[in-house]
Protein backbone atom coordinates (compact mmCIF):
# COMPACT_ATOMS: atom_id res chain seq x y z
CA MET A 1 0.00 0.00 0.00
CA ASN A 2 1.24 3.49 -0.86
CA ILE A 3 2.11 5.40 2.32
CA ARG A 4 0.68 8.58 0.77
CA PHE A 5 -2.70 6.85 0.54
CA VAL A 6 -2.53 6.11 4.25
CA GLU A 7 -1.59 9.71 4.93
CA ALA A 8 -4.64 10.90 2.95
CA PHE A 9 -6.93 8.62 4.98
CA VAL A 10 -5.49 9.84 8.31
CA TRP A 11 -5.92 13.52 7.45
CA VAL A 12 -9.47 13.10 6.16
CA ALA A 13 -10.31 11.34 9.42
CA ARG A 14 -8.63 14.02 11.56
CA LEU A 15 -10.01 17.04 9.73
CA LYS A 16 -13.38 15.43 8.88
CA SER A 17 -13.14 16.94 5.43
CA PHE A 18 -11.83 15.77 2.05
CA ARG A 19 -11.27 19.39 1.02
CA ALA A 20 -9.32 20.29 4.19
CA ALA A 21 -7.17 17.16 3.81
CA ALA A 22 -6.42 18.13 0.19
CA GLN A 23 -5.36 21.61 1.30
CA LYS A 24 -3.24 20.18 4.11
CA LEU A 25 -1.42 17.80 1.74
CA ASN A 26 -1.29 20.31 -1.13
CA VAL A 27 -3.09 18.03 -3.61
CA SER A 28 -6.48 18.14 -5.32
CA GLN A 29 -9.64 16.90 -3.66
CA ALA A 30 -10.01 14.38 -6.48
CA THR A 31 -6.57 12.98 -5.59
CA ILE A 32 -7.63 12.54 -1.98
CA SER A 33 -10.85 10.79 -3.03
CA GLY A 34 -8.89 8.51 -5.34
CA ARG A 35 -6.46 7.52 -2.61
CA ILE A 36 -9.28 6.73 -0.19
CA SER A 37 -11.04 4.66 -2.87
CA SER A 38 -7.85 2.68 -3.48
CA ILE A 39 -7.55 1.78 0.21
CA GLU A 40 -11.21 0.78 0.33
CA ALA A 41 -10.78 -1.41 -2.74
CA GLU A 42 -7.67 -3.07 -1.28
CA PHE A 43 -9.36 -3.85 2.05
CA ASP A 44 -12.79 -4.44 0.51
CA CYS A 45 -14.51 -2.13 2.97
CA ARG A 46 -15.88 1.39 3.35
CA LEU A 47 -13.79 3.73 5.49
CA PHE A 48 -16.28 6.62 5.59
CA ASP A 49 -20.06 6.68 5.72
CA ARG A 50 -20.87 8.72 2.62
CA ALA A 51 -24.58 8.60 3.32
CA LYS A 52 -24.14 11.19 6.07
CA HIS A 53 -23.69 14.91 5.47
CA ASP A 54 -20.51 15.03 7.58
CA VAL A 55 -17.43 12.90 7.01
CA VAL A 56 -17.91 10.06 9.51
CA LEU A 57 -15.70 7.00 9.96
CA THR A 58 -17.27 3.58 9.67
CA ASN A 59 -16.51 0.92 12.30
CA LYS A 60 -13.80 -0.53 10.08
CA GLY A 61 -12.49 2.97 9.48
CA PHE A 62 -12.07 3.44 13.23
CA LEU A 63 -10.18 0.15 13.47
CA LEU A 64 -7.86 1.12 10.64
CA LEU A 65 -7.20 4.68 11.84
CA ASP A 66 -5.07 3.74 14.86
CA LYS A 67 -2.89 1.39 12.79
CA ALA A 68 -2.60 3.99 10.02
CA GLU A 69 -1.41 6.64 12.47
CA ARG A 70 1.19 4.23 13.88
CA LEU A 71 2.39 3.52 10.36
CA LEU A 72 2.86 7.22 9.65
CA ASN A 73 4.74 7.65 12.93
CA SER A 74 7.02 4.74 12.02
CA GLU A 75 7.71 6.29 8.64
CA GLN A 76 8.59 9.60 10.28
CA ASP A 77 10.91 7.91 12.76
CA LEU A 78 12.67 6.18 9.88
CA LEU A 79 13.11 9.38 7.90
CA GLU A 80 14.49 11.27 10.86
CA SER A 81 16.87 8.47 11.76
CA LEU A 82 18.36 8.56 8.25
CA LYS A 83 19.35 12.19 8.25
CA HIS A 84 20.85 14.65 10.67
CA HIS A 85 18.24 17.08 11.87
CA ASN A 86 20.08 20.21 10.73
CA SER A 87 20.04 19.03 7.11
CA ILE A 88 16.24 18.94 7.00
CA ALA A 89 14.74 21.27 4.41
CA ARG A 90 11.11 21.54 5.39
CA ASN A 91 8.32 24.07 5.63
CA ILE A 92 6.77 24.66 9.04
CA ARG A 93 3.65 26.79 9.51
CA ILE A 94 3.67 28.63 12.83
CA GLY A 95 0.92 30.80 14.25
CA VAL A 96 1.52 33.23 17.12
CA ILE A 97 -0.35 35.95 18.96
CA GLU A 98 0.99 39.48 18.67
CA SER A 99 2.32 39.56 22.23
CA ILE A 100 4.94 37.01 21.13
CA VAL A 101 5.91 39.19 18.15
CA HIS A 102 6.70 42.09 20.49
CA THR A 103 8.66 40.01 23.01
CA TRP A 104 10.66 36.85 22.20
CA LEU A 105 9.68 35.85 18.65
CA GLY A 106 12.92 37.22 17.18
CA ASP A 107 15.07 35.14 19.56
CA PHE A 108 12.95 32.07 18.87
CA LEU A 109 13.20 32.28 15.07
CA THR A 110 16.93 33.02 15.21
CA GLN A 111 17.57 29.90 17.29
CA LEU A 112 15.19 27.87 15.11
CA LYS A 113 17.24 28.73 12.03
CA THR A 114 20.42 27.79 13.89
CA LEU A 115 18.89 24.42 14.78
CA TYR A 116 17.37 23.81 11.32
CA PRO A 117 19.38 25.92 8.83
CA ASN A 118 17.36 24.72 5.83
CA ILE A 119 13.92 25.14 7.35
CA GLU A 120 11.42 27.53 5.79
CA PHE A 121 8.75 28.96 8.05
CA GLU A 122 5.38 30.55 7.31
CA LEU A 123 4.35 32.89 10.11
CA THR A 124 0.75 33.84 10.88
CA VAL A 125 -0.02 36.49 13.49
CA GLU A 126 -3.60 36.36 14.75
CA THR A 127 -5.73 36.29 17.88
CA THR A 128 -5.97 33.05 19.86
CA THR A 129 -9.47 32.35 18.54
CA HIS A 130 -8.42 32.70 14.90
CA LEU A 131 -5.23 30.69 15.41
CA GLN A 132 -7.15 27.80 16.95
CA THR A 133 -9.62 27.87 14.06
CA LEU A 134 -6.83 27.72 11.49
CA PHE A 135 -5.10 24.96 13.48
CA ALA A 136 -8.28 22.88 13.60
CA LYS A 137 -8.56 23.19 9.81
CA GLY A 138 -5.00 21.91 9.39
CA ALA A 139 -3.73 25.26 8.10
CA LEU A 140 -1.09 25.63 10.85
CA ASP A 141 1.40 23.11 12.27
CA ILE A 142 2.21 24.82 15.58
CA ILE A 143 0.36 27.61 17.35
CA ILE A 144 1.58 29.67 20.29
CA GLN A 145 -1.34 31.38 22.01
CA THR A 146 -3.12 31.80 25.31
CA ASP A 147 -5.30 28.70 25.69
CA PRO A 148 -4.71 24.95 25.37
CA VAL A 149 -6.37 23.14 22.49
CA LEU A 150 -8.78 20.59 23.96
CA ASP A 151 -8.31 17.65 21.61
CA SER A 152 -6.93 14.18 22.35
CA THR A 153 -4.70 14.33 19.24
CA VAL A 154 -3.08 17.62 20.29
CA VAL A 155 -0.11 18.14 22.60
CA ASN A 156 -0.18 21.36 24.65
CA THR A 157 3.01 22.67 26.23
CA VAL A 158 2.86 25.43 28.83
CA LEU A 159 5.26 28.31 28.14
CA SER A 160 6.37 31.06 30.50
CA PRO A 161 3.60 33.67 30.90
CA LEU A 162 3.90 37.39 30.22
CA GLU A 163 3.39 40.11 32.82
CA ILE A 164 0.55 42.53 32.04
CA CYS A 165 0.50 46.08 33.41
CA TRP A 166 -1.65 49.21 33.36
CA VAL A 167 -0.03 52.10 31.49
CA CYS A 168 -0.73 55.70 30.57
CA ARG A 169 1.24 58.27 28.61
CA LYS A 170 3.72 60.45 30.48
CA GLU A 171 1.54 63.58 30.08
CA SER A 172 -1.44 61.93 31.82
CA GLU A 173 -2.61 63.40 35.12
CA LEU A 174 -2.47 59.84 36.49
CA ALA A 175 1.25 59.43 35.85
CA HIS A 176 3.50 59.05 38.91
CA LYS A 177 0.72 59.01 41.49
CA GLU A 178 -1.29 56.33 43.20
CA VAL A 179 -4.66 55.71 41.58
CA SER A 180 -7.67 53.47 42.18
CA PHE A 181 -10.23 51.75 39.99
CA ASP A 182 -12.62 54.58 40.82
CA ASP A 183 -10.06 57.02 39.42
CA ILE A 184 -9.79 55.22 36.09
CA SER A 185 -13.47 54.25 35.73
CA ASN A 186 -14.28 57.54 33.98
CA LEU A 187 -11.44 57.15 31.52
CA GLU A 188 -11.41 55.25 28.25
CA ILE A 189 -9.74 51.90 28.75
CA ILE A 190 -8.04 50.03 25.93
CA THR A 191 -7.34 46.31 26.06
CA PHE A 192 -6.96 43.34 23.73
CA ALA A 193 -9.52 41.66 21.47
CA ARG A 194 -12.96 40.95 22.89
CA ASP A 195 -13.10 37.77 24.99
CA SER A 196 -9.30 37.50 25.03
CA GLN A 197 -7.60 36.80 28.36
CA PRO A 198 -6.68 40.50 28.97
CA HIS A 199 -10.17 41.71 28.02
CA LEU A 200 -11.88 39.22 30.33
CA ALA A 201 -9.40 40.06 33.09
CA VAL A 202 -10.19 43.78 32.85
CA SER A 203 -13.93 43.08 33.03
CA SER A 204 -13.46 40.77 36.01
CA MET A 205 -11.27 43.25 37.91
CA PHE A 206 -13.84 46.02 37.63
CA GLU A 207 -16.63 43.66 38.68
CA GLN A 208 -14.65 42.61 41.76
CA LYS A 209 -14.25 46.28 42.71
CA ASN A 210 -17.97 46.93 42.07
CA VAL A 211 -16.96 49.66 39.66
CA LYS A 212 -18.34 50.06 36.15
CA PRO A 213 -15.90 51.52 33.57
CA ARG A 214 -17.26 54.18 31.25
CA GLN A 215 -15.80 52.68 28.06
CA VAL A 216 -13.64 49.66 27.28
CA HIS A 217 -12.18 49.50 23.77
CA CYS A 218 -11.03 46.14 22.35
CA VAL A 219 -8.08 46.32 19.96
CA ALA A 220 -6.24 43.29 18.55
CA SER A 221 -3.00 45.14 17.72
CA ILE A 222 -0.40 46.13 20.32
CA SER A 223 1.01 48.74 17.95
CA ILE A 224 -2.40 50.36 17.59
CA ILE A 225 -2.99 50.26 21.35
CA CYS A 226 0.34 52.00 21.88
CA HIS A 227 -0.54 54.62 19.28
CA LEU A 228 -3.90 55.33 20.95
CA VAL A 229 -2.28 55.67 24.38
CA GLN A 230 0.36 58.02 22.99
CA ARG A 231 -2.41 60.15 21.47
CA GLY A 232 -4.02 60.44 24.89
CA LEU A 233 -7.09 58.40 23.95
CA GLY A 234 -7.02 56.28 27.07
CA ILE A 235 -5.07 54.03 29.39
CA ALA A 236 -4.29 50.43 28.51
CA THR A 237 -3.35 46.98 29.71
CA LEU A 238 -0.28 45.74 27.83
CA PRO A 239 2.49 43.13 28.25
CA ARG A 240 5.26 44.92 30.11
CA ASP A 241 8.04 43.35 28.05
CA ALA A 242 6.33 44.37 24.81
CA ILE A 243 6.58 48.05 25.75
CA ILE A 244 9.75 48.00 27.83
CA ASN A 245 11.46 50.53 25.53
CA GLU A 246 8.58 52.99 25.89
CA ILE A 247 8.65 52.57 29.67
CA GLU A 248 12.41 53.03 29.90
CA ARG A 249 12.26 56.15 27.69
CA GLY A 250 9.52 57.53 29.91
CA ASP A 251 6.93 57.70 27.13
CA PHE A 252 4.68 55.28 29.03
CA VAL A 253 4.21 55.20 32.79
CA VAL A 254 3.05 52.12 34.69
CA LEU A 255 0.12 53.14 36.89
CA ASP A 256 0.64 52.89 40.65
CA GLY A 257 -1.97 51.62 43.09
CA LEU A 258 -3.89 49.30 40.79
CA ASP A 259 -3.89 45.54 41.14
CA ALA A 260 -1.85 44.07 38.32
CA PRO A 261 -3.87 42.11 35.76
CA PRO A 262 -3.33 38.33 35.77
CA LEU A 263 -0.33 36.99 33.89
CA LEU A 264 -0.94 36.25 30.22
CA SER A 265 -0.68 32.47 29.97
CA LEU A 266 0.91 30.95 26.86
CA HIS A 267 0.61 27.50 25.31
CA ALA A 268 2.27 25.90 22.31
CA SER A 269 0.01 23.35 20.60
CA TRP A 270 0.77 20.79 17.90
CA GLN A 271 -0.64 17.62 16.37
CA LYS A 272 1.38 14.74 17.78
CA HIS A 273 0.96 12.28 14.92
CA THR A 274 2.74 13.84 11.94
CA ASP A 275 6.33 15.19 12.12
CA GLY A 276 6.03 14.64 15.84
CA LYS A 277 9.69 14.65 16.77
CA MET A 278 10.50 17.77 14.79
CA LYS A 279 7.51 19.66 16.21
CA CYS A 280 8.43 18.51 19.71
CA VAL A 281 11.94 19.93 19.27
CA ILE A 282 10.54 23.23 17.97
CA VAL A 283 8.06 23.54 20.84
CA GLU A 284 10.75 22.72 23.40
CA LEU A 285 12.85 25.46 21.81
CA ALA A 286 9.93 27.88 22.22
CA LYS A 287 9.63 26.88 25.87
CA SER A 288 13.36 27.39 26.44
CA VAL A 289 13.31 30.82 24.78
CA SER A 290 10.22 31.93 26.72
CA ASP A 291 11.79 30.74 30.01
CA ASN A 292 15.05 32.56 29.27
CA PHE A 293 13.19 35.70 28.26
CA LYS A 294 11.19 35.69 31.50
CA ASN A 295 14.34 35.21 33.58
CA GLY A 296 16.13 38.02 31.76
């Protein structure tokens, strides 16, 4: 049996879509259908119930899936044992949230290229929600974001979190004095995308203080948040390390007297079945870089 046929079957089963599997493997949907039909002919069985609207495995399909995944893992182990890891020329699709871009992404990619000189990476910067959607569709190999992916086929590795702080511009009347949540409730507050960890944290902190903020603006871009703060359009919650230059120059001032928002948790997530060892090495590198960054 052609190993590529097995690979097609595994990805259709994982993604529950012939089209998504075709996009993942960079082939046509007709090619995927042909490969599945060949396996079914060889084993004289149906792998998917085509009478249903969704792509659903048959009982025999479920039995074959575990063995097919083991076969792919064995193939990957063989390939990696035959070549030194730094000679691998491969494309890896990585998705990150913007907080990583403004902190340790540069160090991570530099070390990644040192480890795998021939690797080519595709980088996607999005919110956690969008990254997890792309990951579920098979459009990304590794994502680094705020929440674990709850799927039995996914490995989640906890990375070092980022400190979040309240900041205002240096000209603000709140700069260099102790303030309370009552003091800032009448100001415009800028935080990350709606329903993100920082946004939910801001909402929770005001609720705990029994204070209702006048306006809370949700912005997905750190650069835009910084621009708005500099223009005097509000105060913001931002990762301290992402704006350390602005703080050290005195352009931004960390507000005194307010409880610090919760740390921004980070997770690296990857599918454990395909290219598992390589992805594991890359994720461990991300963990090492995030730990070193946190410890200065």
